[in-house]
Amino acid sequence: MSRIQATFAALAANKKKGLIPFITAGDPAPELTVPLMHALVEGGADIIELGVPFSDPMAEGPVIQRACERALKFNVSMQDVLGFVREFRKTNTTTPVVLMGYANPIERMGQAAYVQAMKDAGADGTIVVDYPPEECEEFAAMLKAADLDAIFLLAPTSTEERIQQVARFGSGFSYYVSLKGVTGAAHIDTAEVAQRIAAIRKHVKLPIGVGFGIRDAATAKTVAAVSDAVVIGSRIIQELENTPQDKAVEAVRTFLSGIRKALDE
């Protein structure tokens, strides 16, 4: 059982909902990434989603695009991201870390080398936005052999065939994109999310996390009522943008604590 699977099993046993915060590795400064990861855990994170900076992050709205640009100004690379995970693992061996990014850096390394590097660093799974599941049988098998999880995105527009592909190749959890658009957009229709998740659950037996557009405790609580976990990213990046760097770690810890409290009520 992977760390992600064990985390969701424990959440289900305790009748709790998962909290999955996202930050971009290297933003707002490389030396803050590991302290921010620890702050997320202290604030109540069950799983950390760590963004791999990329120059053309097609799924991201302007907030996370800016985070990628800031990180790339520091020349933060895939090797740096893996280094952050290794550093985090020195004092935290339980919280799963999921790397979220795009195909180009992985293709440059080679899929087998990427899977091995993830394993060696202590990462637990990966979301590759532009790897469709129907082209990922071999990649998913490599991850599974290393006891890592291949996490796929599903959207309001996903066909039944695509949902079945995710059921076949995905593991850990499935990430449902709550709206048509990019990260950080607003106006989640919770009734529609509930309807879509019910349709997905007919095929996908994994826990389902919902992201894109969760901005505050109230939204998180509403979405958690129909899902297994909530993913929150752009709002955390905004917190970092609006806070001096010397107060960033505490600001993120405090913000996430509010979300955690709402989910547990």
Protein backbone atom coordinates (compact mmCIF):
# COMPACT_ATOMS: atom_id res chain seq x y z
CA MET A 1 0.00 0.00 0.00
CA SER A 2 1.40 3.38 -1.00
CA ARG A 3 1.63 6.29 1.43
CA ILE A 4 -1.23 8.01 -0.45
CA GLN A 5 -3.46 4.94 -0.21
CA ALA A 6 -2.65 4.56 3.50
CA THR A 7 -3.50 8.24 4.08
CA PHE A 8 -6.92 7.94 2.46
CA ALA A 9 -7.61 4.69 4.33
CA ALA A 10 -6.85 6.45 7.62
CA LEU A 11 -9.03 9.42 6.66
CA ALA A 12 -11.94 7.12 5.82
CA ALA A 13 -11.50 5.19 9.08
CA ASN A 14 -11.64 8.46 11.02
CA LYS A 15 -14.52 9.82 8.90
CA LYS A 16 -12.42 12.82 7.88
CA LYS A 17 -11.95 14.58 4.56
CA GLY A 18 -8.54 15.05 3.00
CA LEU A 19 -6.87 18.43 2.63
CA ILE A 20 -4.41 18.68 -0.26
CA PRO A 21 -2.70 22.08 -0.56
CA PHE A 22 -0.60 23.04 -3.57
CA ILE A 23 2.49 25.22 -3.74
CA THR A 24 4.92 25.78 -6.59
CA ALA A 25 8.43 24.59 -5.77
CA GLY A 26 10.81 27.55 -5.61
CA ASP A 27 8.12 30.20 -5.10
CA PRO A 28 8.46 32.78 -3.62
CA ALA A 29 12.09 31.72 -3.06
CA PRO A 30 13.80 28.31 -3.17
CA GLU A 31 14.92 28.45 0.47
CA LEU A 32 11.26 28.77 1.56
CA THR A 33 9.94 25.67 -0.20
CA VAL A 34 10.77 23.09 2.48
CA PRO A 35 9.71 25.35 5.41
CA LEU A 36 6.44 25.98 3.55
CA MET A 37 5.91 22.23 3.09
CA HIS A 38 6.31 21.73 6.84
CA ALA A 39 3.96 24.67 7.49
CA LEU A 40 1.32 23.04 5.29
CA VAL A 41 1.52 19.87 7.38
CA GLU A 42 1.32 21.90 10.60
CA GLY A 43 -1.73 23.66 9.15
CA GLY A 44 -3.51 20.36 8.58
CA ALA A 45 -2.43 19.05 5.17
CA ASP A 46 -2.92 15.34 4.59
CA ILE A 47 -1.08 15.28 1.25
CA ILE A 48 1.15 17.96 -0.31
CA GLU A 49 0.95 18.73 -3.99
CA LEU A 50 4.26 20.25 -5.11
CA GLY A 51 4.22 22.01 -8.44
CA VAL A 52 7.17 21.54 -10.80
CA PRO A 53 7.81 24.97 -12.38
CA PHE A 54 7.17 25.00 -16.12
CA SER A 55 7.30 27.77 -18.71
CA ASP A 56 3.94 26.94 -20.31
CA PRO A 57 1.64 25.62 -17.56
CA MET A 58 -1.48 25.23 -19.70
CA ALA A 59 -3.88 24.24 -16.91
CA GLU A 60 -2.92 27.09 -14.64
CA GLY A 61 -4.58 30.45 -14.22
CA PRO A 62 -2.61 33.69 -13.87
CA VAL A 63 -1.81 33.20 -10.16
CA ILE A 64 0.04 29.89 -10.56
CA GLN A 65 1.52 31.04 -13.86
CA ARG A 66 3.14 33.91 -11.95
CA ALA A 67 4.41 31.44 -9.34
CA CYS A 68 6.04 29.37 -12.10
CA GLU A 69 7.64 32.50 -13.56
CA ARG A 70 9.06 33.50 -10.18
CA ALA A 71 10.46 30.01 -9.58
CA LEU A 72 11.99 29.85 -13.06
CA LYS A 73 13.79 33.15 -12.43
CA PHE A 74 15.64 31.20 -9.73
CA ASN A 75 16.32 28.47 -12.32
CA VAL A 76 14.42 25.93 -10.23
CA SER A 77 14.68 22.61 -12.09
CA MET A 78 13.24 19.12 -11.71
CA GLN A 79 16.43 18.16 -9.83
CA ASP A 80 15.83 21.04 -7.40
CA VAL A 81 12.24 19.92 -6.86
CA LEU A 82 13.41 16.39 -6.06
CA GLY A 83 15.98 17.91 -3.71
CA PHE A 84 13.23 19.76 -1.83
CA VAL A 85 11.39 16.45 -1.37
CA ARG A 86 14.57 14.76 -0.09
CA GLU A 87 15.11 17.58 2.41
CA PHE A 88 11.46 17.42 3.56
CA ARG A 89 11.77 13.65 4.08
CA LYS A 90 14.63 14.12 6.57
CA THR A 91 12.08 15.13 9.20
CA ASN A 92 8.73 14.00 7.75
CA THR A 93 8.40 10.40 6.64
CA THR A 94 4.61 10.15 6.71
CA THR A 95 2.97 12.97 4.68
CA PRO A 96 2.61 11.99 1.02
CA VAL A 97 4.07 14.34 -1.59
CA VAL A 98 2.63 14.43 -5.11
CA LEU A 99 4.60 16.12 -7.89
CA MET A 100 2.36 18.01 -10.29
CA GLY A 101 3.68 19.19 -13.61
CA TYR A 102 3.92 18.73 -17.34
CA ALA A 103 5.36 16.21 -19.75
CA ASN A 104 8.37 18.10 -21.13
CA PRO A 105 10.69 17.89 -18.08
CA ILE A 106 9.80 14.21 -17.65
CA GLU A 107 10.39 13.40 -21.31
CA ARG A 108 13.72 15.15 -21.06
CA MET A 109 14.75 12.91 -18.13
CA GLY A 110 13.08 9.81 -19.48
CA GLN A 111 10.08 8.22 -17.78
CA ALA A 112 12.03 5.41 -16.12
CA ALA A 113 14.64 7.83 -14.77
CA TYR A 114 11.87 10.12 -13.47
CA VAL A 115 10.12 7.28 -11.65
CA GLN A 116 13.39 6.15 -10.07
CA ALA A 117 14.31 9.71 -9.09
CA MET A 118 10.88 10.21 -7.49
CA LYS A 119 11.28 6.97 -5.56
CA ASP A 120 14.80 7.87 -4.41
CA ALA A 121 13.72 11.36 -3.28
CA GLY A 122 10.73 10.09 -1.30
CA ALA A 123 7.88 11.37 -3.49
CA ASP A 124 4.69 9.31 -3.58
CA GLY A 125 2.88 10.04 -6.81
CA THR A 126 2.65 12.30 -9.80
CA ILE A 127 0.11 14.27 -11.79
CA VAL A 128 1.24 15.00 -15.34
CA VAL A 129 -1.35 17.35 -16.81
CA ASP A 130 -0.60 16.53 -20.44
CA TYR A 131 -0.24 12.75 -20.08
CA PRO A 132 -3.68 11.35 -21.02
CA PRO A 133 -4.43 8.02 -19.32
CA GLU A 134 -4.96 6.17 -22.59
CA GLU A 135 -1.30 6.84 -23.44
CA CYS A 136 -0.01 6.00 -19.95
CA GLU A 137 -0.30 2.25 -19.52
CA GLU A 138 3.47 1.71 -19.44
CA PHE A 139 4.15 4.82 -17.31
CA ALA A 140 1.45 3.85 -14.80
CA ALA A 141 2.89 0.32 -14.62
CA MET A 142 6.37 1.72 -13.89
CA LEU A 143 4.96 3.85 -11.08
CA LYS A 144 2.99 0.95 -9.64
CA ALA A 145 6.08 -1.27 -9.67
CA ALA A 146 7.86 1.40 -7.59
CA ASP A 147 4.88 1.62 -5.18
CA LEU A 148 4.09 5.11 -6.49
CA ASP A 149 0.76 6.46 -7.71
CA ALA A 150 -0.31 7.75 -11.12
CA ILE A 151 -2.96 10.40 -10.46
CA PHE A 152 -5.09 11.55 -13.37
CA LEU A 153 -7.32 14.57 -13.90
CA LEU A 154 -11.00 14.28 -14.72
CA ALA A 155 -13.06 17.27 -15.85
CA PRO A 156 -16.71 18.23 -16.33
CA THR A 157 -16.18 17.39 -20.01
CA SER A 158 -14.61 13.94 -19.46
CA THR A 159 -16.32 11.21 -21.44
CA GLU A 160 -17.35 7.89 -19.97
CA GLU A 161 -14.51 6.29 -21.96
CA ARG A 162 -11.96 8.65 -20.36
CA ILE A 163 -13.37 7.93 -16.89
CA GLN A 164 -12.97 4.20 -17.55
CA GLN A 165 -9.35 4.77 -18.63
CA VAL A 166 -8.65 6.60 -15.35
CA ALA A 167 -10.28 3.73 -13.47
CA ARG A 168 -7.97 1.32 -15.29
CA PHE A 169 -4.63 3.12 -14.93
CA GLY A 170 -5.00 5.57 -12.04
CA SER A 171 -4.08 4.92 -8.43
CA GLY A 172 -3.88 6.79 -5.13
CA PHE A 173 -6.76 9.13 -5.86
CA SER A 174 -8.46 10.80 -8.82
CA TYR A 175 -8.38 14.57 -9.18
CA TYR A 176 -11.68 16.05 -10.35
CA VAL A 177 -11.38 19.51 -11.91
CA SER A 178 -14.50 21.24 -10.63
CA LEU A 179 -15.05 23.60 -13.54
CA LYS A 180 -14.28 24.28 -17.18
CA GLY A 181 -11.28 26.57 -17.15
CA VAL A 182 -7.98 27.06 -15.37
CA THR A 183 -6.85 26.97 -11.74
CA GLY A 184 -8.05 29.81 -9.56
CA ALA A 185 -11.32 30.40 -11.37
CA ALA A 186 -14.37 31.06 -9.22
CA HIS A 187 -18.05 30.06 -9.10
CA ILE A 188 -18.08 26.35 -8.37
CA ASP A 189 -21.50 24.77 -8.95
CA THR A 190 -21.54 22.29 -6.08
CA ALA A 191 -24.68 20.55 -7.30
CA GLU A 192 -23.04 19.90 -10.66
CA VAL A 193 -19.85 18.70 -8.93
CA ALA A 194 -21.91 16.26 -6.84
CA GLN A 195 -23.67 14.97 -9.95
CA ARG A 196 -20.43 14.47 -11.86
CA ILE A 197 -18.69 12.75 -8.94
CA ALA A 198 -21.62 10.33 -8.62
CA ALA A 199 -21.19 9.46 -12.31
CA ILE A 200 -17.41 9.04 -11.89
CA ARG A 201 -17.84 6.77 -8.86
CA LYS A 202 -19.74 4.26 -11.03
CA HIS A 203 -16.38 3.43 -12.62
CA VAL A 204 -13.62 4.86 -10.42
CA LYS A 205 -13.26 3.21 -7.02
CA LEU A 206 -10.42 5.49 -5.90
CA PRO A 207 -10.93 8.42 -3.50
CA ILE A 208 -11.80 11.61 -5.37
CA GLY A 209 -10.19 14.96 -4.63
CA VAL A 210 -11.71 18.13 -6.05
CA GLY A 211 -9.72 21.19 -7.04
CA PHE A 212 -9.70 24.32 -9.26
CA GLY A 213 -11.70 27.13 -7.69
CA ILE A 214 -11.69 26.30 -3.96
CA ARG A 215 -10.88 29.63 -2.37
CA ASP A 216 -12.00 29.64 1.24
CA ALA A 217 -13.23 27.57 4.17
CA ALA A 218 -16.88 27.76 3.10
CA THR A 219 -16.20 26.49 -0.43
CA ALA A 220 -13.90 23.78 0.89
CA LYS A 221 -16.52 22.56 3.35
CA THR A 222 -19.25 22.49 0.71
CA VAL A 223 -17.10 20.59 -1.80
CA ALA A 224 -15.82 18.17 0.86
CA ALA A 225 -19.42 17.13 1.53
CA VAL A 226 -19.53 15.46 -1.91
CA SER A 227 -15.88 14.36 -2.27
CA ASP A 228 -13.10 12.64 -0.35
CA ALA A 229 -10.65 15.56 -0.38
CA VAL A 230 -10.26 19.16 -1.47
CA VAL A 231 -7.28 20.57 -3.34
CA ILE A 232 -6.45 24.23 -2.80
CA GLY A 233 -3.67 26.02 -4.65
CA SER A 234 -4.18 29.44 -6.19
CA ARG A 235 -5.52 30.90 -2.96
CA ILE A 236 -2.37 29.78 -1.12
CA ILE A 237 -0.17 31.31 -3.83
CA GLN A 238 -2.12 34.57 -3.44
CA GLU A 239 -1.41 34.45 0.29
CA LEU A 240 2.29 34.19 -0.53
CA GLU A 241 2.07 37.05 -3.03
CA ASN A 242 0.42 39.32 -0.47
CA THR A 243 2.76 38.53 2.46
CA PRO A 244 6.37 39.60 3.10
CA GLN A 245 8.69 36.62 2.73
CA ASP A 246 9.72 36.67 6.39
CA LYS A 247 6.06 36.13 7.34
CA ALA A 248 5.15 33.74 4.51
CA VAL A 249 5.50 30.48 6.43
CA GLU A 250 3.29 31.61 9.31
CA ALA A 251 0.70 33.12 6.92
CA VAL A 252 0.34 29.84 5.02
CA ARG A 253 0.13 27.80 8.23
CA THR A 254 -2.59 30.10 9.60
CA PHE A 255 -4.58 30.16 6.35
CA LEU A 256 -4.57 26.39 5.98
CA SER A 257 -5.53 25.90 9.64
CA GLY A 258 -8.77 27.73 8.89
CA ILE A 259 -9.56 25.36 6.01
CA ARG A 260 -8.71 22.34 8.16
CA LYS A 261 -11.01 23.55 10.94
CA ALA A 262 -13.90 23.97 8.49
CA LEU A 263 -13.40 20.47 7.06
CA ASP A 264 -13.37 18.93 10.54
CA GLU A 265 -16.48 20.71 11.84
